[in-house]
Amino acid sequence: MVTIGQSPRNDVTSDIKDILGSKIEIIECGALDELTLEDVKKLEPKKGEYVLVTRLRDGTQVKVGRNKIIQRIRECIRKIENYVDIIVLLCTGEFPEINSKKPLIKPSTLLYNVVLGLLPKGKLGILIPSPDQIKEVEDKWKKSKLKLIVKTLSPYMSENVKNVANEFRKENVDMIVLDCIGYGKEIARIIKEATNKPVLLPRTLLARIIRELCE
């Protein structure tokens, strides 16, 4: 598992391990491993750059420019690909230039195709960490012809999930995608209970795909 932040991502893998069980071993690598906060600040996105939101080992939320960490992601993959059967990117951002000689699961591609299979038309609620990612998300989903209702909520900072859930409920969306690996089961539960709509949580969707491939 390759995170765009720092490993280990215990906040993510705790939910994933519940589904994978004890027979599947997880090896982690982070694009920002070994970097200090000062180093990471040098990777912050400039205006117009593709924005990624992640967290450091101590839980600090940070933003990085995608192009600034592409090579670091590649280095993580090369470091672990000879020792694993499957590689998973722990990020729902788009990475068309990333590849591996082992099966590589990209959550962005997975989410997009699952949603279109379930909701070919209608109103899609999308939750993302930061307002400066809205254009990226709109560009990503514009080919779907779905009506997009985009809301923002950081998965790493204390915010009122119920407020966002109520906004989705008022918009009467047909389905909600939590478009960041950082969102956990508790956030998904609150939103689902408030809206009574299907909620797709990337980290658990990934876990079920991995288990299917490894069994």
Protein backbone atom coordinates (compact mmCIF):
# COMPACT_ATOMS: atom_id res chain seq x y z
CA MET A 1 0.00 0.00 0.00
CA VAL A 2 1.48 3.28 -1.15
CA THR A 3 0.24 6.44 0.54
CA ILE A 4 0.85 9.94 -0.77
CA GLY A 5 1.53 10.93 2.85
CA GLN A 6 3.61 9.18 5.48
CA SER A 7 3.39 5.55 6.50
CA PRO A 8 2.13 3.76 8.45
CA ARG A 9 -1.45 4.85 7.77
CA ASN A 10 -2.98 3.07 10.75
CA ASP A 11 -6.09 5.23 10.44
CA VAL A 12 -6.76 3.66 7.03
CA THR A 13 -5.42 0.12 7.44
CA SER A 14 -7.42 -0.48 10.62
CA ASP A 15 -10.63 -0.48 8.55
CA ILE A 16 -8.99 -2.45 5.74
CA LYS A 17 -7.61 -5.17 8.01
CA ASP A 18 -11.08 -5.81 9.42
CA ILE A 19 -12.09 -6.97 5.93
CA LEU A 20 -8.85 -8.61 4.78
CA GLY A 21 -8.43 -10.79 7.84
CA SER A 22 -5.12 -12.16 9.11
CA LYS A 23 -3.96 -14.12 6.05
CA ILE A 24 -3.10 -11.07 3.92
CA GLU A 25 0.02 -9.15 4.90
CA ILE A 26 0.20 -5.40 4.32
CA ILE A 27 3.47 -3.65 3.46
CA GLU A 28 3.34 0.14 3.47
CA CYS A 29 5.41 2.89 1.91
CA GLY A 30 4.78 6.64 1.95
CA ALA A 31 5.75 9.25 -0.60
CA LEU A 32 6.57 11.64 2.24
CA ASP A 33 8.39 9.15 4.48
CA GLU A 34 11.60 10.54 6.00
CA LEU A 35 10.56 14.14 5.23
CA THR A 36 10.14 16.79 7.92
CA LEU A 37 7.20 19.18 7.99
CA GLU A 38 9.52 21.86 6.61
CA ASP A 39 10.42 19.55 3.71
CA VAL A 40 6.77 18.85 3.02
CA LYS A 41 5.90 22.55 2.95
CA LYS A 42 8.22 22.87 -0.06
CA LEU A 43 5.90 20.46 -1.91
CA GLU A 44 2.78 22.56 -1.36
CA PRO A 45 0.79 23.20 -4.55
CA LYS A 46 0.95 26.56 -6.26
CA LYS A 47 -2.12 28.20 -7.73
CA GLY A 48 -3.50 26.08 -10.56
CA GLU A 49 -1.66 22.91 -9.55
CA TYR A 50 -3.45 19.61 -8.92
CA VAL A 51 -4.04 19.55 -5.15
CA LEU A 52 -3.69 16.43 -2.99
CA VAL A 53 -4.65 16.35 0.68
CA THR A 54 -3.02 13.82 3.01
CA ARG A 55 -1.60 13.45 6.51
CA LEU A 56 1.73 12.98 8.16
CA ARG A 57 2.60 10.26 10.64
CA ASP A 58 1.63 12.47 13.57
CA GLY A 59 -1.81 13.20 12.09
CA THR A 60 -1.01 16.66 10.70
CA GLN A 61 -3.02 17.46 7.55
CA VAL A 62 -0.92 18.70 4.61
CA LYS A 63 -1.45 19.62 0.97
CA VAL A 64 0.99 18.68 -1.78
CA GLY A 65 1.12 19.25 -5.52
CA ARG A 66 0.60 16.05 -7.50
CA ASN A 67 3.47 16.64 -9.90
CA LYS A 68 5.81 17.29 -6.98
CA ILE A 69 5.35 13.79 -5.56
CA ILE A 70 4.91 11.62 -8.68
CA GLN A 71 8.54 10.52 -8.58
CA ARG A 72 8.32 9.76 -4.87
CA ILE A 73 5.31 7.52 -5.50
CA ARG A 74 7.23 5.72 -8.24
CA GLU A 75 10.13 5.17 -5.84
CA CYS A 76 7.77 3.62 -3.29
CA ILE A 77 6.39 1.25 -5.89
CA ARG A 78 9.86 0.18 -7.04
CA LYS A 79 10.87 -0.37 -3.42
CA ILE A 80 8.10 -2.83 -2.64
CA GLU A 81 6.90 -4.37 -5.92
CA ASN A 82 9.31 -7.32 -5.82
CA TYR A 83 7.95 -8.36 -2.43
CA VAL A 84 4.18 -8.12 -2.97
CA ASP A 85 1.43 -9.58 -5.14
CA ILE A 86 -0.73 -6.46 -5.47
CA ILE A 87 -0.03 -2.75 -5.09
CA VAL A 88 -2.69 -0.28 -4.00
CA LEU A 89 -2.48 3.52 -4.15
CA LEU A 90 -4.01 4.95 -1.00
CA CYS A 91 -5.35 8.02 -2.78
CA THR A 92 -8.42 8.72 -4.89
CA GLY A 93 -6.60 11.33 -6.98
CA GLU A 94 -5.83 10.59 -10.63
CA PHE A 95 -2.42 9.14 -11.47
CA PRO A 96 -2.41 8.05 -15.14
CA GLU A 97 1.39 8.18 -15.26
CA ILE A 98 1.90 5.70 -12.40
CA ASN A 99 2.39 2.02 -13.24
CA SER A 100 3.90 -1.18 -11.87
CA LYS A 101 4.94 -4.62 -13.06
CA LYS A 102 2.52 -5.99 -10.44
CA PRO A 103 -1.27 -5.50 -10.50
CA LEU A 104 -1.84 -1.87 -9.49
CA ILE A 105 -5.18 -0.75 -8.06
CA LYS A 106 -5.97 2.93 -8.55
CA PRO A 107 -8.96 3.95 -6.40
CA SER A 108 -9.90 6.81 -8.73
CA THR A 109 -10.47 4.46 -11.67
CA LEU A 110 -12.21 1.91 -9.46
CA LEU A 111 -14.60 4.44 -7.92
CA TYR A 112 -15.48 6.02 -11.25
CA ASN A 113 -16.43 2.73 -12.88
CA VAL A 114 -18.32 1.41 -9.86
CA VAL A 115 -20.40 4.59 -9.67
CA LEU A 116 -21.24 4.55 -13.38
CA GLY A 117 -22.21 0.89 -13.11
CA LEU A 118 -24.59 1.66 -10.25
CA LEU A 119 -25.78 5.14 -11.24
CA PRO A 120 -25.76 5.72 -15.02
CA LYS A 121 -27.86 8.87 -14.56
CA GLY A 122 -29.01 10.98 -11.65
CA LYS A 123 -27.56 13.19 -8.94
CA LEU A 124 -24.21 12.24 -7.38
CA GLY A 125 -23.02 13.69 -4.08
CA ILE A 126 -19.24 13.93 -3.79
CA LEU A 127 -17.36 14.73 -0.60
CA ILE A 128 -13.78 16.01 -0.86
CA PRO A 129 -11.33 17.38 1.73
CA SER A 130 -10.72 20.89 0.41
CA PRO A 131 -12.48 23.59 -1.67
CA ASP A 132 -9.41 23.96 -3.88
CA GLN A 133 -10.03 20.43 -5.20
CA ILE A 134 -13.47 21.20 -6.63
CA LYS A 135 -12.28 21.86 -10.18
CA GLU A 136 -10.26 18.63 -10.19
CA VAL A 137 -13.32 16.65 -9.14
CA GLU A 138 -15.59 18.35 -11.68
CA ASP A 139 -13.06 17.61 -14.45
CA LYS A 140 -12.83 13.99 -13.31
CA TRP A 141 -16.58 13.37 -13.39
CA LYS A 142 -17.69 15.61 -16.27
CA LYS A 143 -17.79 12.73 -18.78
CA SER A 144 -20.26 10.85 -16.58
CA LYS A 145 -23.19 13.19 -17.38
CA LEU A 146 -24.26 12.92 -13.75
CA LYS A 147 -25.37 16.03 -11.92
CA LEU A 148 -22.68 16.69 -9.32
CA ILE A 149 -23.26 18.03 -5.81
CA VAL A 150 -19.80 18.65 -4.34
CA LYS A 151 -19.24 19.35 -0.64
CA THR A 152 -16.04 19.68 1.37
CA LEU A 153 -15.04 18.23 4.72
CA SER A 154 -11.55 17.47 5.98
CA PRO A 155 -11.18 13.84 7.12
CA TYR A 156 -8.25 14.82 9.34
CA MET A 157 -9.63 17.80 11.27
CA SER A 158 -12.51 18.10 13.72
CA GLU A 159 -15.51 19.25 11.70
CA ASN A 160 -19.26 18.77 11.85
CA VAL A 161 -20.07 15.79 9.64
CA LYS A 162 -23.80 16.14 10.31
CA ASN A 163 -23.90 19.56 8.66
CA VAL A 164 -22.50 18.15 5.42
CA ALA A 165 -24.79 15.12 5.66
CA ASN A 166 -27.81 17.41 5.99
CA GLU A 167 -26.69 19.40 2.94
CA PHE A 168 -26.62 16.21 0.87
CA ARG A 169 -30.04 15.25 2.24
CA LYS A 170 -31.53 18.61 1.23
CA GLU A 171 -30.07 18.19 -2.27
CA ASN A 172 -31.78 14.75 -2.49
CA VAL A 173 -28.77 13.09 -4.12
CA ASP A 174 -29.09 9.51 -5.38
CA MET A 175 -25.69 8.33 -4.16
CA ILE A 176 -22.71 9.75 -2.25
CA VAL A 177 -19.02 9.13 -2.86
CA LEU A 178 -16.53 9.97 -0.12
CA ASP A 179 -13.75 10.89 -2.53
CA CYS A 180 -10.70 10.54 -0.29
CA ILE A 181 -9.00 7.55 1.33
CA GLY A 182 -8.88 9.54 4.58
CA TYR A 183 -12.62 9.21 5.19
CA GLY A 184 -13.43 6.43 7.64
CA LYS A 185 -16.37 4.20 8.50
CA GLU A 186 -17.74 6.55 11.15
CA ILE A 187 -18.08 9.45 8.70
CA ALA A 188 -19.73 7.10 6.19
CA ARG A 189 -22.14 5.85 8.86
CA ILE A 190 -23.23 9.35 9.90
CA ILE A 191 -23.83 10.45 6.31
CA LYS A 192 -25.70 7.28 5.41
CA GLU A 193 -27.98 7.54 8.45
CA ALA A 194 -28.72 11.21 7.79
CA THR A 195 -29.44 10.83 4.08
CA ASN A 196 -30.71 7.24 3.82
CA LYS A 197 -28.74 7.02 0.56
CA PRO A 198 -25.99 4.62 -0.59
CA VAL A 199 -22.51 5.78 0.45
CA LEU A 200 -19.34 4.54 -1.23
CA LEU A 201 -16.30 4.46 1.06
CA PRO A 202 -13.07 3.97 -0.94
CA ARG A 203 -10.99 2.25 1.74
CA THR A 204 -13.51 -0.51 2.37
CA LEU A 205 -14.28 -0.90 -1.34
CA LEU A 206 -10.54 -1.38 -1.91
CA ALA A 207 -10.33 -3.95 0.86
CA ARG A 208 -13.09 -6.06 -0.66
CA ILE A 209 -11.43 -5.97 -4.08
CA ILE A 210 -8.09 -6.99 -2.56
CA ARG A 211 -9.67 -9.87 -0.65
CA GLU A 212 -11.41 -11.10 -3.79
CA LEU A 213 -8.10 -11.07 -5.70
CA CYS A 214 -6.11 -12.77 -2.97
CA GLU A 215 -8.47 -15.54 -1.91
